[in-house]
N, C-alpha and C. Protein backbone atom coordinates (compact mmCIF):
# COMPACT_ATOMS: atom_id res chain seq x y z
N MET A 1 -11.18 11.92 -47.88
CA MET A 1 -11.06 10.69 -46.84
C MET A 1 -9.66 10.66 -46.23
N ALA A 2 -8.74 10.98 -47.13
CA ALA A 2 -7.34 10.82 -46.61
C ALA A 2 -7.00 11.86 -45.53
N GLY A 3 -7.66 12.95 -45.59
CA GLY A 3 -7.60 13.82 -44.69
C GLY A 3 -8.26 13.65 -43.30
N SER A 4 -9.32 13.00 -43.26
CA SER A 4 -9.92 12.58 -42.17
C SER A 4 -9.17 11.69 -41.32
N ILE A 5 -8.56 10.46 -42.10
CA ILE A 5 -7.88 9.58 -41.69
C ILE A 5 -6.32 10.08 -41.02
N GLY A 6 -6.09 11.14 -41.84
CA GLY A 6 -4.83 11.74 -41.27
C GLY A 6 -5.06 12.55 -39.64
N ASN A 7 -6.05 13.06 -39.87
CA ASN A 7 -6.60 13.78 -38.39
C ASN A 7 -6.74 12.85 -37.44
N MET A 8 -7.53 11.71 -37.77
CA MET A 8 -7.40 10.70 -36.59
C MET A 8 -6.43 10.27 -36.28
N ALA A 9 -5.34 9.79 -37.08
CA ALA A 9 -3.97 9.41 -36.56
C ALA A 9 -3.42 10.54 -35.70
N LYS A 10 -3.56 11.77 -36.01
CA LYS A 10 -3.04 12.61 -34.91
C LYS A 10 -3.85 12.37 -33.55
N VAL A 11 -5.10 12.22 -33.54
CA VAL A 11 -5.74 12.08 -32.32
C VAL A 11 -5.11 10.71 -31.57
N TYR A 12 -4.86 9.77 -32.40
CA TYR A 12 -4.54 8.53 -31.70
C TYR A 12 -3.03 8.38 -31.31
N LYS A 13 -2.35 9.12 -31.89
CA LYS A 13 -0.88 9.16 -31.81
C LYS A 13 -0.45 9.94 -30.57
N LYS A 14 -1.13 10.16 -29.71
CA LYS A 14 -1.04 10.67 -28.30
C LYS A 14 -0.07 9.80 -27.50
N ASN A 15 1.11 10.51 -27.08
CA ASN A 15 2.02 9.89 -26.24
C ASN A 15 1.33 9.61 -24.68
N PHE A 16 1.18 8.58 -24.30
CA PHE A 16 0.83 8.36 -22.87
C PHE A 16 2.11 7.98 -22.00
N THR A 17 2.23 8.80 -21.15
CA THR A 17 3.31 8.56 -20.26
C THR A 17 2.93 7.98 -18.85
N TYR A 18 3.60 7.05 -18.28
CA TYR A 18 3.20 6.46 -16.96
C TYR A 18 3.68 7.54 -15.80
N VAL A 19 2.97 7.83 -15.11
CA VAL A 19 3.24 8.86 -13.89
C VAL A 19 3.00 7.88 -12.59
N PRO A 20 4.10 7.39 -12.06
CA PRO A 20 3.91 6.65 -10.83
C PRO A 20 3.45 7.36 -9.71
N PRO A 21 2.68 6.65 -8.82
CA PRO A 21 2.24 7.26 -7.66
C PRO A 21 3.40 7.96 -6.73
N ALA A 22 3.28 8.72 -5.84
CA ALA A 22 4.20 9.11 -4.99
C ALA A 22 4.79 7.94 -4.10
N LEU A 23 6.01 8.19 -3.65
CA LEU A 23 6.73 6.99 -2.95
C LEU A 23 5.77 6.65 -1.75
N PRO A 24 5.76 5.48 -1.05
CA PRO A 24 5.25 5.00 -0.08
C PRO A 24 5.90 5.67 1.19
N ALA A 25 5.15 5.69 2.19
CA ALA A 25 5.65 6.23 3.39
C ALA A 25 6.79 5.18 4.07
N ASP A 26 8.04 5.66 4.43
CA ASP A 26 8.81 4.84 5.17
C ASP A 26 8.21 4.28 6.39
N LEU A 27 8.29 2.89 6.53
CA LEU A 27 7.54 2.36 7.81
C LEU A 27 8.64 2.29 9.02
N ILE A 28 8.30 2.48 9.86
CA ILE A 28 8.96 2.35 10.95
C ILE A 28 8.92 0.79 11.58
N ASP A 29 10.02 0.17 11.91
CA ASP A 29 10.00 -1.47 12.39
C ASP A 29 9.15 -2.19 11.48
N SER A 30 9.46 -2.37 10.09
CA SER A 30 8.88 -3.02 9.13
C SER A 30 9.37 -4.40 9.14
N THR A 31 8.40 -5.16 8.99
CA THR A 31 8.59 -6.77 8.69
C THR A 31 8.21 -7.06 7.05
N SER A 32 8.92 -7.55 6.38
CA SER A 32 8.59 -7.70 4.99
C SER A 32 8.48 -9.33 4.67
N TYR A 33 7.25 -9.45 3.79
CA TYR A 33 6.91 -10.88 3.24
C TYR A 33 7.15 -10.67 1.95
N THR A 34 7.70 -11.88 1.35
CA THR A 34 7.68 -12.04 -0.08
C THR A 34 6.53 -12.78 -0.73
N LEU A 35 5.78 -12.23 -1.65
CA LEU A 35 4.60 -12.84 -2.46
C LEU A 35 5.24 -13.65 -3.50
N ASP A 36 6.02 -12.78 -4.36
CA ASP A 36 6.63 -13.26 -5.51
C ASP A 36 7.93 -12.67 -5.87
N PHE A 37 8.94 -13.25 -5.60
CA PHE A 37 10.28 -12.39 -5.70
C PHE A 37 10.70 -12.17 -7.18
N ALA A 38 10.39 -12.96 -8.19
CA ALA A 38 10.69 -12.73 -9.44
C ALA A 38 9.69 -11.74 -10.13
N ALA A 39 8.59 -11.63 -9.49
CA ALA A 39 7.81 -10.47 -10.12
C ALA A 39 7.81 -9.24 -9.09
N ARG A 40 8.59 -9.52 -8.21
CA ARG A 40 8.99 -8.05 -7.27
C ARG A 40 7.69 -7.75 -6.57
N LYS A 41 6.89 -8.77 -5.85
CA LYS A 41 5.77 -8.35 -5.17
C LYS A 41 6.09 -8.78 -3.68
N PHE A 42 5.83 -7.70 -2.89
CA PHE A 42 6.03 -7.86 -1.37
C PHE A 42 5.05 -7.42 -0.57
N LEU A 43 4.85 -7.62 0.80
CA LEU A 43 4.13 -7.14 1.72
C LEU A 43 4.82 -6.78 2.95
N ASN A 44 4.45 -5.60 3.24
CA ASN A 44 5.47 -5.01 4.50
C ASN A 44 4.29 -4.81 5.53
N VAL A 45 4.64 -4.99 6.80
CA VAL A 45 3.88 -4.51 7.98
C VAL A 45 4.66 -3.60 8.90
N GLY A 46 4.15 -2.43 9.20
CA GLY A 46 5.08 -1.61 10.08
C GLY A 46 4.28 -0.45 10.46
N PHE A 47 4.94 0.44 11.25
CA PHE A 47 4.43 1.68 11.71
C PHE A 47 4.41 2.91 10.54
N ASP A 48 3.23 3.74 10.45
CA ASP A 48 3.36 4.72 9.51
C ASP A 48 3.53 6.02 10.40
N PRO A 49 4.69 6.62 10.08
CA PRO A 49 4.91 7.85 10.96
C PRO A 49 4.14 8.92 10.66
N THR A 50 3.33 8.97 9.38
CA THR A 50 2.54 9.89 9.30
C THR A 50 1.03 9.91 9.57
N ASP A 51 0.66 8.71 10.26
CA ASP A 51 -0.55 8.25 10.78
C ASP A 51 -0.42 7.94 12.13
N GLU A 52 0.26 8.53 13.01
CA GLU A 52 0.17 8.44 14.33
C GLU A 52 0.77 7.07 14.73
N PHE A 53 1.68 6.65 13.94
CA PHE A 53 2.43 5.20 14.28
C PHE A 53 1.20 4.13 14.32
N ASN A 54 0.42 4.04 13.34
CA ASN A 54 -0.50 3.16 13.39
C ASN A 54 0.13 1.89 12.65
N THR A 55 -0.33 0.92 12.87
CA THR A 55 0.08 -0.34 12.16
C THR A 55 -0.56 -0.56 10.72
N ILE A 56 0.21 -0.35 9.79
CA ILE A 56 -0.28 -0.57 8.37
C ILE A 56 0.43 -1.71 7.63
N VAL A 57 -0.48 -2.18 6.57
CA VAL A 57 -0.04 -3.17 5.82
C VAL A 57 0.23 -2.40 4.13
N GLN A 58 1.63 -2.74 3.68
CA GLN A 58 1.53 -2.16 2.34
C GLN A 58 1.75 -3.64 1.51
N VAL A 59 1.35 -3.49 0.16
CA VAL A 59 1.43 -4.52 -0.82
C VAL A 59 2.23 -3.68 -1.88
N ILE A 60 3.49 -4.12 -2.17
CA ILE A 60 4.41 -3.32 -2.94
C ILE A 60 4.67 -3.97 -4.35
N THR A 61 4.35 -3.48 -5.33
CA THR A 61 4.86 -4.33 -6.60
C THR A 61 5.82 -3.23 -7.41
N PRO A 62 6.63 -3.52 -8.32
CA PRO A 62 7.57 -2.67 -9.08
C PRO A 62 6.97 -1.47 -9.46
N SER A 63 5.66 -1.28 -9.80
CA SER A 63 5.44 0.00 -10.27
C SER A 63 4.36 0.77 -9.40
N ARG A 64 3.73 0.03 -8.52
CA ARG A 64 2.78 0.49 -7.83
C ARG A 64 2.73 -0.09 -6.14
N TYR A 65 2.11 0.55 -5.27
CA TYR A 65 1.75 0.13 -4.05
C TYR A 65 0.43 0.38 -3.78
N VAL A 66 0.00 -0.09 -2.46
CA VAL A 66 -1.25 0.27 -1.69
C VAL A 66 -1.01 0.08 -0.18
N ASN A 67 -1.52 1.11 0.46
CA ASN A 67 -1.54 0.90 1.89
C ASN A 67 -3.00 0.58 2.43
N MET A 68 -2.93 -0.33 3.34
CA MET A 68 -4.44 -0.62 4.13
C MET A 68 -3.90 -0.87 5.43
N PRO A 69 -5.17 -0.67 6.32
CA PRO A 69 -5.06 -1.16 7.61
C PRO A 69 -5.31 -2.54 7.80
N PRO A 70 -4.82 -3.05 8.81
CA PRO A 70 -4.66 -4.49 9.09
C PRO A 70 -6.15 -5.26 9.04
N ASP A 71 -7.10 -4.35 9.57
CA ASP A 71 -8.40 -4.83 9.58
C ASP A 71 -9.03 -5.12 8.09
N PHE A 72 -8.61 -4.26 7.32
CA PHE A 72 -9.10 -4.53 5.83
C PHE A 72 -8.47 -5.78 5.17
N LEU A 73 -7.26 -6.14 5.62
CA LEU A 73 -6.45 -7.40 5.18
C LEU A 73 -7.30 -8.54 5.96
N ARG A 74 -7.67 -8.28 6.94
CA ARG A 74 -8.36 -9.36 7.76
C ARG A 74 -9.80 -9.66 7.06
N ARG A 75 -10.35 -8.60 6.50
CA ARG A 75 -11.56 -8.76 5.56
C ARG A 75 -11.43 -9.33 4.30
N ILE A 76 -10.35 -9.03 3.91
CA ILE A 76 -9.87 -9.91 2.51
C ILE A 76 -9.91 -11.40 2.77
N PHE A 77 -9.22 -11.80 3.83
CA PHE A 77 -9.20 -13.10 4.20
C PHE A 77 -10.33 -13.70 4.58
N SER A 78 -11.28 -13.16 5.04
CA SER A 78 -12.71 -13.54 5.30
C SER A 78 -13.62 -13.93 4.12
N LEU A 79 -13.07 -12.89 2.85
CA LEU A 79 -13.61 -13.41 1.62
C LEU A 79 -12.77 -14.31 0.67
N MET A 80 -11.73 -14.49 1.17
CA MET A 80 -10.67 -15.47 0.40
C MET A 80 -11.39 -16.51 -0.45
N GLY A 81 -12.49 -17.16 0.00
CA GLY A 81 -13.05 -18.35 -0.51
C GLY A 81 -13.87 -17.85 -1.85
N ASN A 82 -14.46 -16.75 -1.77
CA ASN A 82 -15.36 -16.09 -2.86
C ASN A 82 -14.32 -15.57 -3.83
N ILE A 83 -13.40 -14.94 -3.30
CA ILE A 83 -12.24 -14.47 -4.35
C ILE A 83 -11.58 -15.43 -5.06
N LEU A 84 -11.29 -16.54 -4.41
CA LEU A 84 -10.31 -17.59 -5.18
C LEU A 84 -11.29 -18.47 -6.13
N SER A 85 -12.52 -18.55 -5.94
CA SER A 85 -13.33 -19.17 -6.64
C SER A 85 -13.41 -18.46 -7.79
N PHE A 86 -13.50 -17.05 -7.95
CA PHE A 86 -13.49 -16.20 -9.14
C PHE A 86 -12.44 -16.13 -9.76
N ILE A 87 -11.22 -16.18 -8.96
CA ILE A 87 -10.00 -16.13 -9.88
C ILE A 87 -9.77 -17.25 -10.37
N LEU A 88 -9.97 -18.40 -9.68
CA LEU A 88 -9.61 -19.66 -10.34
C LEU A 88 -10.42 -20.02 -11.46
N ASP A 89 -11.65 -19.38 -11.68
CA ASP A 89 -12.56 -19.56 -12.94
C ASP A 89 -11.90 -19.28 -14.02
N LEU A 90 -12.26 -19.89 -15.33
CA LEU A 90 -12.00 -19.51 -16.59
C LEU A 90 -12.16 -18.06 -16.87
N PRO A 91 -11.08 -17.54 -17.34
CA PRO A 91 -11.25 -15.92 -17.58
C PRO A 91 -12.08 -15.70 -18.67
N GLN A 92 -13.11 -14.89 -18.49
CA GLN A 92 -14.16 -14.34 -19.49
C GLN A 92 -13.46 -12.97 -19.96
N LYS A 93 -14.36 -12.40 -21.11
CA LYS A 93 -14.10 -11.65 -21.72
C LYS A 93 -13.64 -10.32 -20.90
N TYR A 94 -14.69 -9.88 -20.30
CA TYR A 94 -14.71 -8.73 -19.22
C TYR A 94 -15.86 -8.94 -18.18
N LYS A 95 -15.37 -9.61 -16.94
CA LYS A 95 -16.33 -9.67 -15.95
C LYS A 95 -15.66 -8.93 -14.68
N ARG A 96 -16.13 -7.88 -14.51
CA ARG A 96 -15.55 -7.26 -13.24
C ARG A 96 -16.50 -7.52 -11.98
N ASN A 97 -15.92 -8.04 -10.77
CA ASN A 97 -16.81 -8.04 -9.48
C ASN A 97 -16.26 -7.32 -8.73
N LEU A 98 -17.07 -6.49 -7.85
CA LEU A 98 -16.58 -5.87 -6.82
C LEU A 98 -16.87 -6.83 -5.58
N PHE A 99 -15.78 -7.09 -4.74
CA PHE A 99 -15.76 -8.01 -3.66
C PHE A 99 -16.29 -7.01 -2.34
N LEU A 100 -15.35 -5.87 -2.50
CA LEU A 100 -15.40 -5.15 -0.97
C LEU A 100 -15.04 -3.75 -1.50
N GLU A 101 -15.72 -2.76 -0.65
CA GLU A 101 -15.49 -1.31 -0.82
C GLU A 101 -15.68 -0.54 0.24
N THR A 102 -14.80 0.22 0.63
CA THR A 102 -15.00 1.05 1.87
C THR A 102 -14.45 2.57 1.47
N GLU A 103 -14.48 3.36 2.40
CA GLU A 103 -14.17 4.74 2.05
C GLU A 103 -12.68 4.92 1.57
N ILE A 104 -11.85 3.99 1.92
CA ILE A 104 -10.45 4.39 1.54
C ILE A 104 -10.00 3.15 0.51
N ILE A 105 -10.53 1.92 0.34
CA ILE A 105 -10.06 0.94 -0.51
C ILE A 105 -11.21 0.24 -0.88
N SER A 106 -11.00 -0.09 -2.33
CA SER A 106 -11.88 -0.99 -2.98
C SER A 106 -11.06 -2.38 -3.35
N LEU A 107 -11.94 -3.41 -3.35
CA LEU A 107 -11.33 -4.78 -3.60
C LEU A 107 -12.34 -5.31 -4.76
N SER A 108 -11.59 -5.60 -6.13
CA SER A 108 -12.45 -6.10 -7.27
C SER A 108 -11.53 -6.82 -7.82
N SER A 109 -12.02 -7.31 -9.17
CA SER A 109 -11.26 -8.31 -9.96
C SER A 109 -11.38 -7.57 -11.30
N MET A 110 -10.27 -8.27 -12.12
CA MET A 110 -10.17 -7.69 -13.60
C MET A 110 -9.47 -8.64 -14.46
N LEU A 111 -9.65 -8.63 -15.72
CA LEU A 111 -9.08 -9.61 -16.69
C LEU A 111 -7.74 -8.72 -16.97
N TYR A 112 -6.54 -9.36 -16.78
CA TYR A 112 -5.16 -8.83 -17.14
C TYR A 112 -4.36 -9.78 -17.77
N LYS A 113 -4.19 -9.65 -19.20
CA LYS A 113 -3.29 -10.71 -19.84
C LYS A 113 -3.73 -11.91 -19.77
N GLY A 114 -5.02 -12.07 -20.08
CA GLY A 114 -5.59 -13.39 -20.06
C GLY A 114 -5.82 -14.13 -18.92
N GLU A 115 -5.66 -13.39 -17.67
CA GLU A 115 -5.83 -14.02 -16.47
C GLU A 115 -6.62 -13.20 -15.37
N ASN A 116 -7.41 -13.80 -14.64
CA ASN A 116 -8.23 -13.22 -13.69
C ASN A 116 -7.22 -12.76 -12.56
N MET A 117 -7.52 -11.43 -12.26
CA MET A 117 -6.66 -10.71 -11.23
C MET A 117 -7.54 -10.07 -10.19
N LEU A 118 -6.95 -10.14 -8.95
CA LEU A 118 -7.43 -9.35 -8.02
C LEU A 118 -6.79 -7.96 -7.89
N VAL A 119 -7.79 -6.94 -7.73
CA VAL A 119 -7.36 -5.52 -7.73
C VAL A 119 -7.69 -5.02 -6.31
N ILE A 120 -6.60 -4.56 -5.93
CA ILE A 120 -6.70 -3.74 -4.43
C ILE A 120 -6.29 -2.30 -4.80
N GLU A 121 -7.07 -1.43 -4.65
CA GLU A 121 -7.08 -0.01 -5.12
C GLU A 121 -7.40 1.01 -4.03
N SER A 122 -6.56 2.16 -4.05
CA SER A 122 -6.61 3.17 -2.93
C SER A 122 -7.57 4.06 -3.34
N LYS A 123 -8.71 4.57 -2.76
CA LYS A 123 -9.69 5.69 -2.94
C LYS A 123 -9.05 6.88 -2.62
N THR A 124 -8.14 7.09 -1.73
CA THR A 124 -7.59 8.28 -1.42
C THR A 124 -6.41 8.69 -2.04
N GLN A 125 -5.54 7.90 -2.73
CA GLN A 125 -4.34 8.36 -3.27
C GLN A 125 -4.50 7.69 -4.76
N ASP A 126 -4.29 8.75 -5.69
CA ASP A 126 -4.30 8.21 -6.99
C ASP A 126 -3.15 7.57 -7.63
N GLY A 127 -3.58 6.35 -8.34
CA GLY A 127 -2.75 5.62 -8.88
C GLY A 127 -2.08 4.48 -7.92
N CYS A 128 -2.83 4.46 -6.91
CA CYS A 128 -2.15 3.35 -5.86
C CYS A 128 -3.27 2.28 -5.87
N ARG A 129 -2.64 1.15 -6.78
CA ARG A 129 -3.33 -0.13 -6.80
C ARG A 129 -2.39 -1.10 -7.06
N VAL A 130 -2.71 -2.32 -6.73
CA VAL A 130 -1.87 -3.58 -7.08
C VAL A 130 -2.79 -4.47 -7.69
N LEU A 131 -2.27 -5.41 -8.52
CA LEU A 131 -2.89 -6.55 -9.04
C LEU A 131 -2.16 -7.84 -8.62
N LEU A 132 -2.95 -8.80 -8.16
CA LEU A 132 -2.48 -10.09 -7.51
C LEU A 132 -3.02 -11.28 -8.32
N ASN A 133 -2.42 -12.07 -8.75
CA ASN A 133 -2.88 -13.29 -9.51
C ASN A 133 -3.03 -14.38 -8.48
N ARG A 134 -3.40 -15.55 -8.93
CA ARG A 134 -3.62 -16.47 -8.05
C ARG A 134 -2.62 -17.27 -7.20
N ALA A 135 -1.54 -17.02 -7.76
CA ALA A 135 -0.31 -17.57 -7.08
C ALA A 135 0.07 -16.74 -5.93
N ASP A 136 -0.07 -15.39 -6.36
CA ASP A 136 0.06 -14.47 -5.14
C ASP A 136 -1.02 -14.62 -3.97
N LEU A 137 -2.24 -14.90 -4.40
CA LEU A 137 -3.35 -14.96 -3.35
C LEU A 137 -3.14 -16.29 -2.62
N MET A 138 -2.67 -17.29 -3.33
CA MET A 138 -2.33 -18.63 -2.47
C MET A 138 -1.20 -18.37 -1.38
N LYS A 139 0.04 -17.68 -1.92
CA LYS A 139 0.96 -17.42 -1.03
C LYS A 139 0.75 -16.45 0.08
N LEU A 140 -0.39 -15.43 -0.28
CA LEU A 140 -0.86 -14.59 0.69
C LEU A 140 -1.78 -15.51 2.01
N GLN A 141 -2.60 -16.36 1.48
CA GLN A 141 -3.41 -17.23 2.11
C GLN A 141 -2.29 -18.19 3.28
N TYR A 142 -1.01 -18.60 2.44
CA TYR A 142 -0.24 -19.46 3.11
C TYR A 142 0.44 -18.57 4.39
N LEU A 143 0.51 -17.46 4.19
CA LEU A 143 1.24 -16.41 5.05
C LEU A 143 0.29 -15.79 6.05
N GLU A 144 -1.04 -15.99 6.11
CA GLU A 144 -1.83 -15.30 6.81
C GLU A 144 -1.54 -15.25 8.28
N TRP A 145 -1.27 -16.64 8.95
CA TRP A 145 -1.11 -16.60 10.30
C TRP A 145 0.07 -15.79 10.70
N CYS A 146 1.19 -15.93 9.85
CA CYS A 146 2.31 -15.07 10.33
C CYS A 146 2.14 -13.58 10.06
N ILE A 147 1.34 -13.19 9.33
CA ILE A 147 1.21 -11.59 9.09
C ILE A 147 0.25 -11.27 10.13
N PHE A 148 -0.75 -11.97 10.75
CA PHE A 148 -1.46 -11.34 11.83
C PHE A 148 -0.81 -11.57 12.94
N GLU A 149 0.07 -12.60 13.35
CA GLU A 149 0.98 -12.64 14.48
C GLU A 149 1.89 -11.40 14.48
N THR A 150 2.45 -11.04 13.21
CA THR A 150 3.21 -9.83 13.40
C THR A 150 2.26 -8.30 13.65
N VAL A 151 1.07 -8.50 13.02
CA VAL A 151 0.19 -7.18 13.26
C VAL A 151 -0.05 -7.21 14.71
N VAL A 152 -0.39 -8.26 15.39
CA VAL A 152 -0.84 -8.19 16.90
C VAL A 152 0.41 -7.91 17.72
N ARG A 153 1.44 -8.42 17.51
CA ARG A 153 2.80 -8.26 18.21
C ARG A 153 3.24 -6.74 17.96
N LYS A 154 3.08 -6.17 16.84
CA LYS A 154 3.53 -4.77 16.51
C LYS A 154 2.48 -3.64 17.27
N SER A 155 1.26 -4.19 17.16
CA SER A 155 0.17 -3.28 17.70
C SER A 155 -0.07 -3.06 19.23
N THR A 156 0.32 -4.21 19.68
CA THR A 156 0.17 -4.37 21.30
C THR A 156 1.30 -4.19 22.01
N ILE A 157 2.57 -4.77 21.51
CA ILE A 157 3.73 -4.74 22.32
C ILE A 157 4.78 -3.50 21.74
N ILE A 158 5.20 -3.46 20.59
CA ILE A 158 6.17 -2.72 20.05
C ILE A 158 5.57 -1.18 19.78
N ARG A 159 4.20 -1.06 19.36
CA ARG A 159 3.99 0.35 19.25
C ARG A 159 4.14 1.36 20.43
N PRO A 160 3.54 0.78 21.52
CA PRO A 160 3.84 1.39 22.91
C PRO A 160 5.39 1.93 23.07
N VAL A 161 6.10 0.85 22.91
CA VAL A 161 7.60 1.03 23.08
C VAL A 161 8.05 2.18 21.95
N VAL A 162 7.60 2.15 20.72
CA VAL A 162 8.17 3.12 19.95
C VAL A 162 7.58 4.44 20.11
N ILE A 163 6.30 4.70 20.67
CA ILE A 163 5.87 5.90 21.00
C ILE A 163 6.56 6.47 22.28
N LYS A 164 6.78 5.61 23.36
CA LYS A 164 7.60 6.08 24.40
C LYS A 164 9.02 6.53 24.09
N GLN A 165 9.75 5.90 23.14
CA GLN A 165 10.96 6.29 22.59
C GLN A 165 11.00 7.61 22.13
N PHE A 166 9.94 7.76 21.15
CA PHE A 166 9.74 9.27 20.56
C PHE A 166 9.54 10.26 21.66
N ASP A 167 8.61 9.93 22.79
CA ASP A 167 8.46 11.10 23.72
C ASP A 167 9.83 11.36 24.43
N ILE A 168 10.35 10.29 24.63
CA ILE A 168 11.89 10.59 25.50
C ILE A 168 12.81 11.26 24.65
N PHE A 169 12.79 11.10 23.37
CA PHE A 169 13.61 11.99 22.68
C PHE A 169 13.30 13.29 22.62
N LEU A 170 11.77 13.60 22.28
CA LEU A 170 11.27 14.89 22.08
C LEU A 170 11.36 15.52 23.37
N ASN A 171 11.15 15.15 24.55
CA ASN A 171 11.42 15.80 25.89
C ASN A 171 13.03 16.14 25.94
N PHE A 172 13.77 15.37 25.51
CA PHE A 172 15.47 15.60 25.60
C PHE A 172 15.65 16.72 24.69
N ILE A 173 14.94 16.87 23.46
CA ILE A 173 15.25 17.99 22.71
C ILE A 173 14.70 19.25 23.29
N ASP A 174 13.57 19.23 23.90
CA ASP A 174 12.97 20.27 24.61
C ASP A 174 13.74 20.76 25.74
N ILE A 175 14.38 19.89 26.50
CA ILE A 175 15.21 20.43 27.71
C ILE A 175 16.51 20.76 27.16
N GLU A 176 17.08 20.24 26.10
CA GLU A 176 18.40 20.82 25.36
C GLU A 176 18.30 22.21 24.87
N SER A 177 17.04 22.37 24.16
CA SER A 177 16.88 23.73 23.46
C SER A 177 16.68 24.63 24.54
N ALA A 178 15.94 24.31 25.76
CA ALA A 178 15.88 25.53 26.60
C ALA A 178 17.15 25.87 27.10
N LYS A 179 18.20 24.95 27.43
CA LYS A 179 19.50 25.31 27.87
C LYS A 179 20.19 26.21 27.00
N VAL A 180 20.06 26.25 25.78
CA VAL A 180 20.92 27.14 24.80
C VAL A 180 20.52 28.55 25.16
N ASP A 181 21.60 29.38 25.40
CA ASP A 181 21.26 30.70 25.67
C ASP A 181 20.98 31.49 24.33
N SER A 182 20.45 32.31 24.56
CA SER A 182 19.99 33.19 23.38
C SER A 182 21.55 34.04 22.91
N PRO A 183 21.68 34.34 21.71
CA PRO A 183 23.04 34.99 21.31
C PRO A 183 23.13 36.37 22.23
N PRO A 184 24.23 36.82 22.21
CA PRO A 184 24.58 37.99 22.85
C PRO A 184 23.99 39.29 22.16
N LYS A 185 23.43 40.06 23.03
CA LYS A 185 22.82 41.26 22.29
C LYS A 185 23.93 42.15 21.89
N THR A 186 23.58 42.80 20.65
CA THR A 186 24.66 43.69 20.03
C THR A 186 23.96 45.06 20.20
N PRO A 187 25.00 46.13 20.17
CA PRO A 187 24.32 47.52 20.20
C PRO A 187 23.10 47.70 19.09
N ASP A 188 23.30 47.14 18.23
CA ASP A 188 22.18 47.30 16.95
C ASP A 188 20.97 46.87 17.57
N SER A 189 20.97 45.74 18.27
CA SER A 189 19.53 45.04 18.49
C SER A 189 18.80 45.66 19.82
C-alpha cells in the first residue's frame, strides 16, 4: 500500500507553471479606461496595426488580456441585463452559463473564489481570457457611453487620418529609396 501511495504522490507532485499569453499588440492612438485600479483591470480602445488598423477593444488584467471587436462589446452590453442577473445571483457550487459565442470569442460565467464571474475568452489565441466580477461589470456599464463615443470617433474620424499618414510616410520612403544610388561598381563585380 505504501508503494502505491508513493507512486500517486509522484503523479500529483507535478509542478504546474504559469505560461502567460503573448503580449498584446501595441495599439495606435489608444484610449484607456480604468475598471479597477487596485486589481489592475483596464480597457483600451485603439487601432491594431496587425489588423489593418481596425478599431479593437482590449480588456487587460495583470496576468491576461483579450482583444475583441467593438461590435462584440456592443453585444455584451445588449446582454448586460441577463449577465448581471446571473452574476448578482447567489453563487452556486458550479453553474456555467454560456451567454454568447462567436468564432473568435466566447462569453460565459464561472465561480471563482466564491464569486460569480464573467469570463471573456478568445478562441483564436491560447490563454487569452479575462474574469470580470460584478463591480467591474457595473463600472463597464457606467462607461458604456464614453467607450462607444470613443469607438465611433476613432473609426470614423481618426482611422482615415492615420491611414493617410502611413500612406504619406510610405510614399516618402519609396521616393527617397529610389534616389539612393547603387554603390559604385568595382572591377570584381
